[in-house]
C-alpha atoms as a PDB file:
ATOM      1  CA  MET A   1      90.146 108.490  44.933  1.00  0.00           C
ATOM      2  CA  GLU A   2      92.491 111.235  45.729  1.00  0.00           C
ATOM      3  CA  ILE A   3      96.280 110.581  47.041  1.00  0.00           C
ATOM      4  CA  ILE A   4      97.653 113.303  49.320  1.00  0.00           C
ATOM      5  CA  LYS A   5     101.272 114.057  50.529  1.00  0.00           C
ATOM      6  CA  THR A   6     101.580 116.843  52.724  1.00  0.00           C
ATOM      7  CA  VAL A   7     100.084 118.319  55.988  1.00  0.00           C
ATOM      8  CA  THR A   8      98.797 121.279  54.163  1.00  0.00           C
ATOM      9  CA  GLU A   9      97.578 119.656  51.178  1.00  0.00           C
ATOM     10  CA  MET A  10      95.506 117.586  53.635  1.00  0.00           C
ATOM     11  CA  GLN A  11      94.672 120.733  55.152  1.00  0.00           C
ATOM     12  CA  ALA A  12      92.918 122.548  52.160  1.00  0.00           C
ATOM     13  CA  TYR A  13      91.172 119.634  51.537  1.00  0.00           C
ATOM     14  CA  ALA A  14      89.812 119.102  54.334  1.00  0.00           C
ATOM     15  CA  ASP A  15      88.614 122.518  54.423  1.00  0.00           C
ATOM     16  CA  GLN A  16      87.004 122.407  50.953  1.00  0.00           C
ATOM     17  CA  LYS A  17      84.750 119.357  51.888  1.00  0.00           C
ATOM     18  CA  ARG A  18      83.514 120.744  55.178  1.00  0.00           C
ATOM     19  CA  ALA A  19      82.924 123.942  53.240  1.00  0.00           C
ATOM     20  CA  GLU A  20      80.905 121.564  50.761  1.00  0.00           C
ATOM     21  CA  GLY A  21      79.111 120.568  53.932  1.00  0.00           C
ATOM     22  CA  ARG A  22      80.138 116.890  53.747  1.00  0.00           C
ATOM     23  CA  ILE A  23      80.532 114.437  57.072  1.00  0.00           C
ATOM     24  CA  LEU A  24      85.005 113.765  56.725  1.00  0.00           C
ATOM     25  CA  GLY A  25      85.249 110.518  58.107  1.00  0.00           C
ATOM     26  CA  LEU A  26      88.938 108.915  59.392  1.00  0.00           C
ATOM     27  CA  VAL A  27      90.364 105.682  59.110  1.00  0.00           C
ATOM     28  CA  PRO A  28      93.899 106.138  60.256  1.00  0.00           C
ATOM     29  CA  THR A  29      96.370 103.411  59.569  1.00  0.00           C
ATOM     30  CA  MET A  30      99.746 102.161  59.133  1.00  0.00           C
ATOM     31  CA  GLY A  31      99.279 100.679  56.005  1.00  0.00           C
ATOM     32  CA  GLY A  32      99.256  96.847  55.068  1.00  0.00           C
ATOM     33  CA  LEU A  33      95.640  96.708  54.726  1.00  0.00           C
ATOM     34  CA  HIS A  34      93.645  93.658  55.269  1.00  0.00           C
ATOM     35  CA  GLU A  35      90.358  93.140  55.887  1.00  0.00           C
ATOM     36  CA  GLY A  36      90.350  94.049  59.572  1.00  0.00           C
ATOM     37  CA  HIS A  37      91.511  97.494  57.969  1.00  0.00           C
ATOM     38  CA  LEU A  38      88.696  97.133  54.898  1.00  0.00           C
ATOM     39  CA  SER A  39      86.176  96.727  57.796  1.00  0.00           C
ATOM     40  CA  LEU A  40      86.604  99.672  59.243  1.00  0.00           C
ATOM     41  CA  VAL A  41      86.432 101.737  56.155  1.00  0.00           C
ATOM     42  CA  LYS A  42      83.352 100.158  55.779  1.00  0.00           C
ATOM     43  CA  LEU A  43      81.678 101.161  59.019  1.00  0.00           C
ATOM     44  CA  ALA A  44      83.097 104.558  57.955  1.00  0.00           C
ATOM     45  CA  LYS A  45      81.101 104.760  55.085  1.00  0.00           C
ATOM     46  CA  GLU A  46      77.789 103.876  56.987  1.00  0.00           C
ATOM     47  CA  GLU A  47      78.991 107.453  59.542  1.00  0.00           C
ATOM     48  CA  ALA A  48      80.198 109.455  57.126  1.00  0.00           C
ATOM     49  CA  ASP A  49      79.487 110.606  53.508  1.00  0.00           C
ATOM     50  CA  HIS A  50      83.405 111.055  52.665  1.00  0.00           C
ATOM     51  CA  VAL A  51      85.844 108.963  53.995  1.00  0.00           C
ATOM     52  CA  THR A  52      89.923 109.677  54.355  1.00  0.00           C
ATOM     53  CA  VAL A  53      92.087 106.395  54.778  1.00  0.00           C
ATOM     54  CA  THR A  54      96.034 107.246  56.403  1.00  0.00           C
ATOM     55  CA  ILE A  55      98.234 105.206  55.402  1.00  0.00           C
ATOM     56  CA  PHE A  56     101.694 105.878  57.949  1.00  0.00           C
ATOM     57  CA  VAL A  57     104.322 104.156  59.255  1.00  0.00           C
ATOM     58  CA  ASN A  58     104.564 106.352  62.595  1.00  0.00           C
ATOM     59  CA  PRO A  59     108.446 106.100  63.864  1.00  0.00           C
ATOM     60  CA  THR A  60     107.638 107.607  67.140  1.00  0.00           C
ATOM     61  CA  GLN A  61     105.562 104.590  68.382  1.00  0.00           C
ATOM     62  CA  PHE A  62     107.886 102.478  67.837  1.00  0.00           C
ATOM     63  CA  GLY A  63     110.751 101.412  70.510  1.00  0.00           C
ATOM     64  CA  PRO A  64     114.558 101.407  69.395  1.00  0.00           C
ATOM     65  CA  ASN A  65     114.316  97.475  69.053  1.00  0.00           C
ATOM     66  CA  GLU A  66     110.990  96.684  67.957  1.00  0.00           C
ATOM     67  CA  ASP A  67     109.938  96.386  63.881  1.00  0.00           C
ATOM     68  CA  TYR A  68     109.829  99.779  62.795  1.00  0.00           C
ATOM     69  CA  GLU A  69     112.382  98.599  59.819  1.00  0.00           C
ATOM     70  CA  THR A  70     110.283  95.460  58.911  1.00  0.00           C
ATOM     71  CA  TYR A  71     106.746  96.485  59.476  1.00  0.00           C
ATOM     72  CA  PRO A  72     104.938  95.553  56.428  1.00  0.00           C
ATOM     73  CA  ARG A  73     104.836  98.351  53.529  1.00  0.00           C
ATOM     74  CA  GLY A  74     102.910  98.914  49.917  1.00  0.00           C
ATOM     75  CA  LEU A  75     101.099 102.072  49.452  1.00  0.00           C
ATOM     76  CA  GLU A  76     100.387 100.803  45.798  1.00  0.00           C
ATOM     77  CA  ARG A  77      98.915  97.982  46.609  1.00  0.00           C
ATOM     78  CA  ASP A  78      96.944  99.521  49.659  1.00  0.00           C
ATOM     79  CA  CYS A  79      95.768 101.683  47.023  1.00  0.00           C
ATOM     80  CA  ARG A  80      94.808  99.210  44.725  1.00  0.00           C
ATOM     81  CA  LEU A  81      92.915  97.393  47.250  1.00  0.00           C
ATOM     82  CA  LEU A  82      90.857 100.467  48.762  1.00  0.00           C
ATOM     83  CA  GLU A  83      89.861 101.452  44.771  1.00  0.00           C
ATOM     84  CA  THR A  84      88.598  97.809  44.408  1.00  0.00           C
ATOM     85  CA  ILE A  85      86.255  98.460  47.461  1.00  0.00           C
ATOM     86  CA  GLY A  86      85.571 101.919  46.900  1.00  0.00           C
ATOM     87  CA  GLY A  87      83.678 104.504  48.560  1.00  0.00           C
ATOM     88  CA  VAL A  88      86.990 106.069  50.092  1.00  0.00           C
ATOM     89  CA  SER A  89      87.621 109.745  48.942  1.00  0.00           C
ATOM     90  CA  ALA A  90      90.851 110.439  49.588  1.00  0.00           C
ATOM     91  CA  VAL A  91      94.374 108.935  50.771  1.00  0.00           C
ATOM     92  CA  PHE A  92      96.536 110.980  53.158  1.00  0.00           C
ATOM     93  CA  ALA A  93     100.321 109.268  52.848  1.00  0.00           C
ATOM     94  CA  PRO A  94     102.329 111.268  54.232  1.00  0.00           C
ATOM     95  CA  ASP A  95     106.346 110.619  54.409  1.00  0.00           C
ATOM     96  CA  GLU A  96     108.305 111.349  57.478  1.00  0.00           C
ATOM     97  CA  ALA A  97     109.845 114.644  56.867  1.00  0.00           C
ATOM     98  CA  SER A  98     106.210 115.918  55.874  1.00  0.00           C
ATOM     99  CA  PHE A  99     104.683 115.066  59.086  1.00  0.00           C
ATOM    100  CA  TYR A 100     107.836 115.755  61.442  1.00  0.00           C
ATOM    101  CA  PRO A 101     109.650 118.438  59.710  1.00  0.00           C
ATOM    102  CA  GLY A 102     113.526 118.262  60.916  1.00  0.00           C
ATOM    103  CA  GLY A 103     112.767 114.839  61.805  1.00  0.00           C
ATOM    104  CA  ALA A 104     110.856 112.642  64.436  1.00  0.00           C
ATOM    105  CA  ASP A 105     113.260 113.274  66.905  1.00  0.00           C
ATOM    106  CA  GLN A 106     113.197 117.270  67.096  1.00  0.00           C
ATOM    107  CA  GLN A 107     109.185 116.701  67.988  1.00  0.00           C
ATOM    108  CA  ARG A 108     109.130 118.427  71.509  1.00  0.00           C
ATOM    109  CA  VAL A 109     105.218 118.445  72.040  1.00  0.00           C
ATOM    110  CA  TRP A 110     103.991 115.017  72.754  1.00  0.00           C
ATOM    111  CA  VAL A 111     100.352 113.920  73.934  1.00  0.00           C
ATOM    112  CA  VAL A 112     100.439 111.334  77.198  1.00  0.00           C
ATOM    113  CA  CYS A 113      98.607 109.828  78.984  1.00  0.00           C
ATOM    114  CA  PRO A 114     100.716 108.206  81.847  1.00  0.00           C
ATOM    115  CA  GLU A 115      98.368 106.571  84.258  1.00  0.00           C
ATOM    116  CA  MET A 116      96.393 104.258  81.487  1.00  0.00           C
ATOM    117  CA  SER A 117      99.200 103.871  79.213  1.00  0.00           C
ATOM    118  CA  LYS A 118     101.372 101.942  82.467  1.00  0.00           C
ATOM    119  CA  TYR A 119      99.561  98.836  81.495  1.00  0.00           C
ATOM    120  CA  LEU A 120      99.089  95.810  79.093  1.00  0.00           C
ATOM    121  CA  CYS A 121     101.137  96.784  76.148  1.00  0.00           C
ATOM    122  CA  GLY A 122     102.526  99.872  77.793  1.00  0.00           C
ATOM    123  CA  LYS A 123     104.431  97.913  80.485  1.00  0.00           C
ATOM    124  CA  ASP A 124     106.952  96.767  77.764  1.00  0.00           C
ATOM    125  CA  ARG A 125     106.775  99.723  74.966  1.00  0.00           C
ATOM    126  CA  PRO A 126     107.343 102.811  76.841  1.00  0.00           C
ATOM    127  CA  GLY A 127     106.598 105.738  74.852  1.00  0.00           C
ATOM    128  CA  HIS A 128     104.108 103.686  72.341  1.00  0.00           C
ATOM    129  CA  PHE A 129     101.400 105.178  73.139  1.00  0.00           C
ATOM    130  CA  ARG A 130     102.754 108.711  73.860  1.00  0.00           C
ATOM    131  CA  GLY A 131     103.588 108.432  70.192  1.00  0.00           C
ATOM    132  CA  VAL A 132     100.093 106.714  68.890  1.00  0.00           C
ATOM    133  CA  LEU A 133      98.563 110.109  71.040  1.00  0.00           C
ATOM    134  CA  THR A 134     100.422 112.259  69.691  1.00  0.00           C
ATOM    135  CA  VAL A 135     100.402 110.955  65.721  1.00  0.00           C
ATOM    136  CA  VAL A 136      96.749 110.476  65.997  1.00  0.00           C
ATOM    137  CA  LEU A 137      95.955 113.997  66.969  1.00  0.00           C
ATOM    138  CA  LYS A 138      98.414 115.452  64.045  1.00  0.00           C
ATOM    139  CA  LEU A 139      96.159 112.708  61.707  1.00  0.00           C
ATOM    140  CA  PHE A 140      92.856 114.872  63.374  1.00  0.00           C
ATOM    141  CA  ALA A 141      94.744 118.821  62.452  1.00  0.00           C
ATOM    142  CA  ALA A 142      95.397 117.367  59.268  1.00  0.00           C
ATOM    143  CA  CYS A 143      92.315 115.590  58.298  1.00  0.00           C
ATOM    144  CA  LYS A 144      89.604 117.245  60.176  1.00  0.00           C
ATOM    145  CA  PRO A 145      86.799 114.510  60.722  1.00  0.00           C
ATOM    146  CA  HIS A 146      84.021 114.637  61.918  1.00  0.00           C
ATOM    147  CA  VAL A 147      84.251 111.070  63.004  1.00  0.00           C
ATOM    148  CA  SER A 148      87.017 108.612  63.210  1.00  0.00           C
ATOM    149  CA  VAL A 149      87.371 104.969  63.773  1.00  0.00           C
ATOM    150  CA  PHE A 150      89.641 102.409  65.112  1.00  0.00           C
ATOM    151  CA  GLY A 151      89.802  98.832  65.637  1.00  0.00           C
ATOM    152  CA  LEU A 152      88.886  97.213  69.080  1.00  0.00           C
ATOM    153  CA  LYS A 153      91.723  94.663  67.961  1.00  0.00           C
ATOM    154  CA  ASP A 154      93.864  97.676  69.552  1.00  0.00           C
ATOM    155  CA  ILE A 155      91.639  98.154  72.462  1.00  0.00           C
ATOM    156  CA  GLN A 156      94.366  99.873  74.889  1.00  0.00           C
ATOM    157  CA  GLN A 157      94.562 102.380  71.606  1.00  0.00           C
ATOM    158  CA  TYR A 158      90.751 102.846  71.583  1.00  0.00           C
ATOM    159  CA  ILE A 159      90.550 103.522  75.194  1.00  0.00           C
ATOM    160  CA  LEU A 160      93.046 106.059  75.335  1.00  0.00           C
ATOM    161  CA  LEU A 161      92.428 107.965  72.153  1.00  0.00           C
ATOM    162  CA  LYS A 162      88.742 108.400  73.860  1.00  0.00           C
ATOM    163  CA  ARG A 163      90.273 109.717  76.853  1.00  0.00           C
ATOM    164  CA  MET A 164      92.099 112.270  74.803  1.00  0.00           C
ATOM    165  CA  ILE A 165      89.247 113.326  72.855  1.00  0.00           C
ATOM    166  CA  HIS A 166      87.123 113.545  75.879  1.00  0.00           C
ATOM    167  CA  ASP A 167      90.357 115.532  78.263  1.00  0.00           C
ATOM    168  CA  LEU A 168      90.871 117.809  75.188  1.00  0.00           C
ATOM    169  CA  SER A 169      87.686 118.825  74.361  1.00  0.00           C
ATOM    170  CA  LEU A 170      88.153 117.949  70.733  1.00  0.00           C
ATOM    171  CA  ASN A 171      84.504 118.094  68.588  1.00  0.00           C
ATOM    172  CA  ILE A 172      85.639 114.106  66.872  1.00  0.00           C
ATOM    173  CA  ARG A 173      82.945 111.330  67.416  1.00  0.00           C
ATOM    174  CA  ILE A 174      84.930 107.825  68.021  1.00  0.00           C
ATOM    175  CA  VAL A 175      83.494 105.032  66.732  1.00  0.00           C
ATOM    176  CA  GLY A 176      85.250 100.988  67.457  1.00  0.00           C
ATOM    177  CA  GLY A 177      85.063  98.487  64.688  1.00  0.00           C
ATOM    178  CA  SER A 178      84.708  94.658  66.101  1.00  0.00           C
ATOM    179  CA  ILE A 179      87.916  92.568  65.618  1.00  0.00           C
ATOM    180  CA  VAL A 180      87.776  90.424  62.405  1.00  0.00           C
ATOM    181  CA  ARG A 181      89.224  87.216  62.497  1.00  0.00           C
ATOM    182  CA  GLU A 182      90.677  84.932  60.087  1.00  0.00           C
ATOM    183  CA  PRO A 183      88.810  81.180  59.733  1.00  0.00           C
ATOM    184  CA  SER A 184      91.613  79.842  62.219  1.00  0.00           C
ATOM    185  CA  GLY A 185      90.237  82.724  65.102  1.00  0.00           C
ATOM    186  CA  LEU A 186      93.299  84.688  64.552  1.00  0.00           C
ATOM    187  CA  ALA A 187      92.993  88.489  64.458  1.00  0.00           C
ATOM    188  CA  PHE A 188      93.868  89.877  61.018  1.00  0.00           C
ATOM    189  CA  SER A 189      97.099  92.229  61.659  1.00  0.00           C
ATOM    190  CA  SER A 190      99.510  93.814  59.081  1.00  0.00           C
ATOM    191  CA  ARG A 191     102.417  91.781  61.320  1.00  0.00           C
ATOM    192  CA  ASN A 192     100.435  88.298  60.672  1.00  0.00           C
ATOM    193  CA  GLU A 193     102.784  88.771  56.990  1.00  0.00           C
ATOM    194  CA  ASN A 194     106.240  88.335  58.895  1.00  0.00           C
ATOM    195  CA  LEU A 195     104.608  85.033  60.853  1.00  0.00           C
ATOM    196  CA  SER A 196     105.997  81.492  59.395  1.00  0.00           C
ATOM    197  CA  SER A 197     103.261  79.003  57.894  1.00  0.00           C
ATOM    198  CA  ASN A 198     103.861  77.138  61.435  1.00  0.00           C
ATOM    199  CA  GLU A 199     104.173  80.301  63.547  1.00  0.00           C
ATOM    200  CA  ARG A 200     100.550  81.454  61.847  1.00  0.00           C
ATOM    201  CA  SER A 201      98.688  78.051  62.868  1.00  0.00           C
ATOM    202  CA  GLN A 202      99.659  78.355  66.486  1.00  0.00           C
ATOM    203  CA  ALA A 203      98.714  82.049  66.665  1.00  0.00           C
ATOM    204  CA  GLN A 204      95.079  80.955  66.587  1.00  0.00           C
ATOM    205  CA  VAL A 205      95.889  79.792  70.566  1.00  0.00           C
ATOM    206  CA  LEU A 206      95.598  84.012  71.042  1.00  0.00           C
ATOM    207  CA  SER A 207      92.021  83.975  70.473  1.00  0.00           C
ATOM    208  CA  LYS A 208      90.835  80.980  71.914  1.00  0.00           C
ATOM    209  CA  ALA A 209      92.825  81.753  75.331  1.00  0.00           C
ATOM    210  CA  VAL A 210      91.118  85.343  75.410  1.00  0.00           C
ATOM    211  CA  ILE A 211      87.428  84.035  73.951  1.00  0.00           C
ATOM    212  CA  ALA A 212      87.519  81.338  76.691  1.00  0.00           C
ATOM    213  CA  ALA A 213      88.630  83.894  79.284  1.00  0.00           C
ATOM    214  CA  ALA A 214      85.409  85.847  78.434  1.00  0.00           C
ATOM    215  CA  ASP A 215      83.043  83.085  77.900  1.00  0.00           C
ATOM    216  CA  MET A 216      84.000  81.695  81.476  1.00  0.00           C
ATOM    217  CA  ILE A 217      83.757  85.400  82.745  1.00  0.00           C
ATOM    218  CA  GLU A 218      79.882  85.654  81.686  1.00  0.00           C
ATOM    219  CA  LEU A 219      79.048  82.200  82.994  1.00  0.00           C
ATOM    220  CA  GLY A 220      80.260  83.602  86.395  1.00  0.00           C
ATOM    221  CA  GLU A 221      83.545  82.025  86.783  1.00  0.00           C
ATOM    222  CA  LYS A 222      84.685  84.189  90.037  1.00  0.00           C
ATOM    223  CA  SER A 223      88.477  83.415  90.247  1.00  0.00           C
ATOM    224  CA  LEU A 224      91.102  85.441  88.616  1.00  0.00           C
ATOM    225  CA  GLU A 225      93.283  83.098  89.136  1.00  0.00           C
ATOM    226  CA  ARG A 226      91.578  80.317  87.612  1.00  0.00           C
ATOM    227  CA  LEU A 227      91.332  82.504  84.365  1.00  0.00           C
ATOM    228  CA  THR A 228      94.595  83.883  84.384  1.00  0.00           C
ATOM    229  CA  ALA A 229      95.750  80.321  84.436  1.00  0.00           C
ATOM    230  CA  LEU A 230      93.740  79.531  81.601  1.00  0.00           C
ATOM    231  CA  MET A 231      94.744  81.900  79.192  1.00  0.00           C
ATOM    232  CA  MET A 232      98.059  81.342  80.010  1.00  0.00           C
ATOM    233  CA  ASN A 233      98.374  77.686  79.607  1.00  0.00           C
ATOM    234  CA  THR A 234      96.241  77.675  76.401  1.00  0.00           C
ATOM    235  CA  ILE A 235      99.419  80.228  75.071  1.00  0.00           C
ATOM    236  CA  GLN A 236     101.831  78.112  76.162  1.00  0.00           C
ATOM    237  CA  SER A 237     100.367  74.911  74.239  1.00  0.00           C
ATOM    238  CA  ALA A 238     101.594  76.252  71.386  1.00  0.00           C
ATOM    239  CA  SER A 239     105.825  75.763  71.318  1.00  0.00           C
ATOM    240  CA  LEU A 240     106.216  78.643  69.485  1.00  0.00           C
ATOM    241  CA  ALA A 241     104.895  81.044  71.630  1.00  0.00           C
ATOM    242  CA  LYS A 242     106.108  83.335  74.267  1.00  0.00           C
ATOM    243  CA  LEU A 243     103.420  85.043  76.300  1.00  0.00           C
ATOM    244  CA  GLN A 244     104.732  88.680  77.314  1.00  0.00           C
ATOM    245  CA  TYR A 245     101.155  89.094  79.143  1.00  0.00           C
ATOM    246  CA  ALA A 246      97.656  87.482  79.956  1.00  0.00           C
ATOM    247  CA  GLU A 247      95.700  90.280  82.152  1.00  0.00           C
ATOM    248  CA  ILE A 248      92.048  91.038  82.930  1.00  0.00           C
ATOM    249  CA  VAL A 249      91.596  94.618  83.153  1.00  0.00           C
ATOM    250  CA  ASP A 250      89.088  97.093  83.539  1.00  0.00           C
ATOM    251  CA  ALA A 251      87.209  98.376  80.022  1.00  0.00           C
ATOM    252  CA  ASN A 252      87.145 101.909  81.172  1.00  0.00           C
ATOM    253  CA  THR A 253      90.070 102.612  83.285  1.00  0.00           C
ATOM    254  CA  LEU A 254      92.530  99.695  82.287  1.00  0.00           C
ATOM    255  CA  HIS A 255      93.709  98.288  85.728  1.00  0.00           C
ATOM    256  CA  PRO A 256      94.012  95.226  86.595  1.00  0.00           C
ATOM    257  CA  VAL A 257      91.239  93.934  88.243  1.00  0.00           C
ATOM    258  CA  GLU A 258      91.198  92.814  91.832  1.00  0.00           C
ATOM    259  CA  LYS A 259      87.912  91.063  91.799  1.00  0.00           C
ATOM    260  CA  LEU A 260      85.441  90.353  89.517  1.00  0.00           C
ATOM    261  CA  ILE A 261      82.136  92.622  90.658  1.00  0.00           C
ATOM    262  CA  PRO A 262      78.654  91.986  89.364  1.00  0.00           C
ATOM    263  CA  GLY A 263      77.938  94.659  86.350  1.00  0.00           C
ATOM    264  CA  ALA A 264      81.370  95.597  85.487  1.00  0.00           C
ATOM    265  CA  ARG A 265      82.936  95.472  82.158  1.00  0.00           C
ATOM    266  CA  VAL A 266      86.055  93.944  81.874  1.00  0.00           C
ATOM    267  CA  ILE A 267      88.588  93.155  79.298  1.00  0.00           C
ATOM    268  CA  ALA A 268      90.899  89.674  79.000  1.00  0.00           C
ATOM    269  CA  ALA A 269      93.695  90.660  77.052  1.00  0.00           C
ATOM    270  CA  VAL A 270      97.095  88.834  75.936  1.00  0.00           C
ATOM    271  CA  ALA A 271     100.346  89.727  73.855  1.00  0.00           C
ATOM    272  CA  VAL A 272     102.601  86.991  72.722  1.00  0.00           C
ATOM    273  CA  TYR A 273     105.792  86.797  70.531  1.00  0.00           C
ATOM    274  CA  PHE A 274     106.142  84.072  67.769  1.00  0.00           C
ATOM    275  CA  GLY A 275     109.919  84.585  66.628  1.00  0.00           C
ATOM    276  CA  ASP A 276     110.057  88.453  66.494  1.00  0.00           C
ATOM    277  CA  VAL A 277     106.431  89.198  65.862  1.00  0.00           C
ATOM    278  CA  ARG A 278     104.603  90.699  68.507  1.00  0.00           C
ATOM    279  CA  LEU A 279     100.154  90.138  68.326  1.00  0.00           C
ATOM    280  CA  ILE A 280      97.781  90.978  70.518  1.00  0.00           C
ATOM    281  CA  ASP A 281      94.221  90.064  70.963  1.00  0.00           C
ATOM    282  CA  ASN A 282      91.514  90.797  73.563  1.00  0.00           C
ATOM    283  CA  ALA A 283      87.415  89.958  74.527  1.00  0.00           C
ATOM    284  CA  ILE A 284      85.542  92.239  76.499  1.00  0.00           C
ATOM    285  CA  ALA A 285      83.165  90.046  78.937  1.00  0.00           C
ATOM    286  CA  ASP A 286      80.173  91.560  81.119  1.00  0.00           C
ATOM    287  CA  VAL A 287      80.635  89.962  84.888  1.00  0.00           C
ATOM    288  CA  PRO A 288      76.854  88.784  85.299  1.00  0.00           C
ATOM    289  CA  VAL A 289      74.594  90.350  87.749  1.00  0.00           C
ATOM    290  CA  GLU A 290      73.878  88.358  90.807  1.00  0.00           C
END
C-alpha cells in the first residue's frame, strides 16, 4: 500500500495507473476510520480495481468555533486498519501546506452551490459546504478517479457532490454507501470517539428519531407536524441531547417539504449536540402512491 503525501506525486501516480488501464476508485475521508469507512472501501473495491483512500482533515469546512483541533486524527492507526482489510492500493495523506499552498486563508477560488447549501446543516454552518465541495474537487484533481464512494450518513454532502459532478461535467461516477450502525443504532462516526459513555448511550435517539419518521411516512402518515414532533420528542427524551434541527426535506433538491406528495422521495434528517460533539443522521422514505 503506497503512502503518498503531495499533490504532484499523487497526480503522477494516478496518471501511471490510468495508463496501465486500471479503473481508479476513490474513498475520501478525514481519517479516524471506523466500520462505516471500511464499508465504503469494500464498496469501492467492487466498483474499481485500484482503490485510493484519502486522509485529510480539511480546515476550510470547519467554522471558527467548531471542532477542527479536536477532530480525531491517527494516520498510522488508519493505515494499519486499511492494511488489515486489504485491497487498498494507495493512501493519499497530504498535509495542509501541500494542499493549500500559502495557507488555507489564501484560497481564492471556491466551489459553491448556494441554493442547496442553505438547508439542513448549511443553515448553522455557513461556509461548510463551500469547503467540502472545494476540497473534494481538489481531491478529484489529485487522484483522478473514475468512480468515487461517499457515505449516505452525510447525505446533504452526497447530494451536493452529485450536483457538482453534474454541473461541472466531471467524468466521475459517484456511488453512495449505506449508513453503517453500531448495535444500538448509532451511526458510525469519527466524532463518536469524543462522546462520553453516557452520551454515546443516549445518542441512539438520533437513529430512532429518523427511522421512526421514515417508517411512518411509508405507512402513509401525511402530517408533517406529527412527523416533526415525533423526531423532536424522540431526541428530547435524551437528557443530554441538544437538538439543532429535525426536518423532512426533498431528496433531490434538499428543500424542506410543505406537503408529502405521493411518489416523492424525502429525507428525515436530524442534527444533535451532545456537549461539544455534533452528530447527524437521516433516513430516506418513499411517500406511498395512493
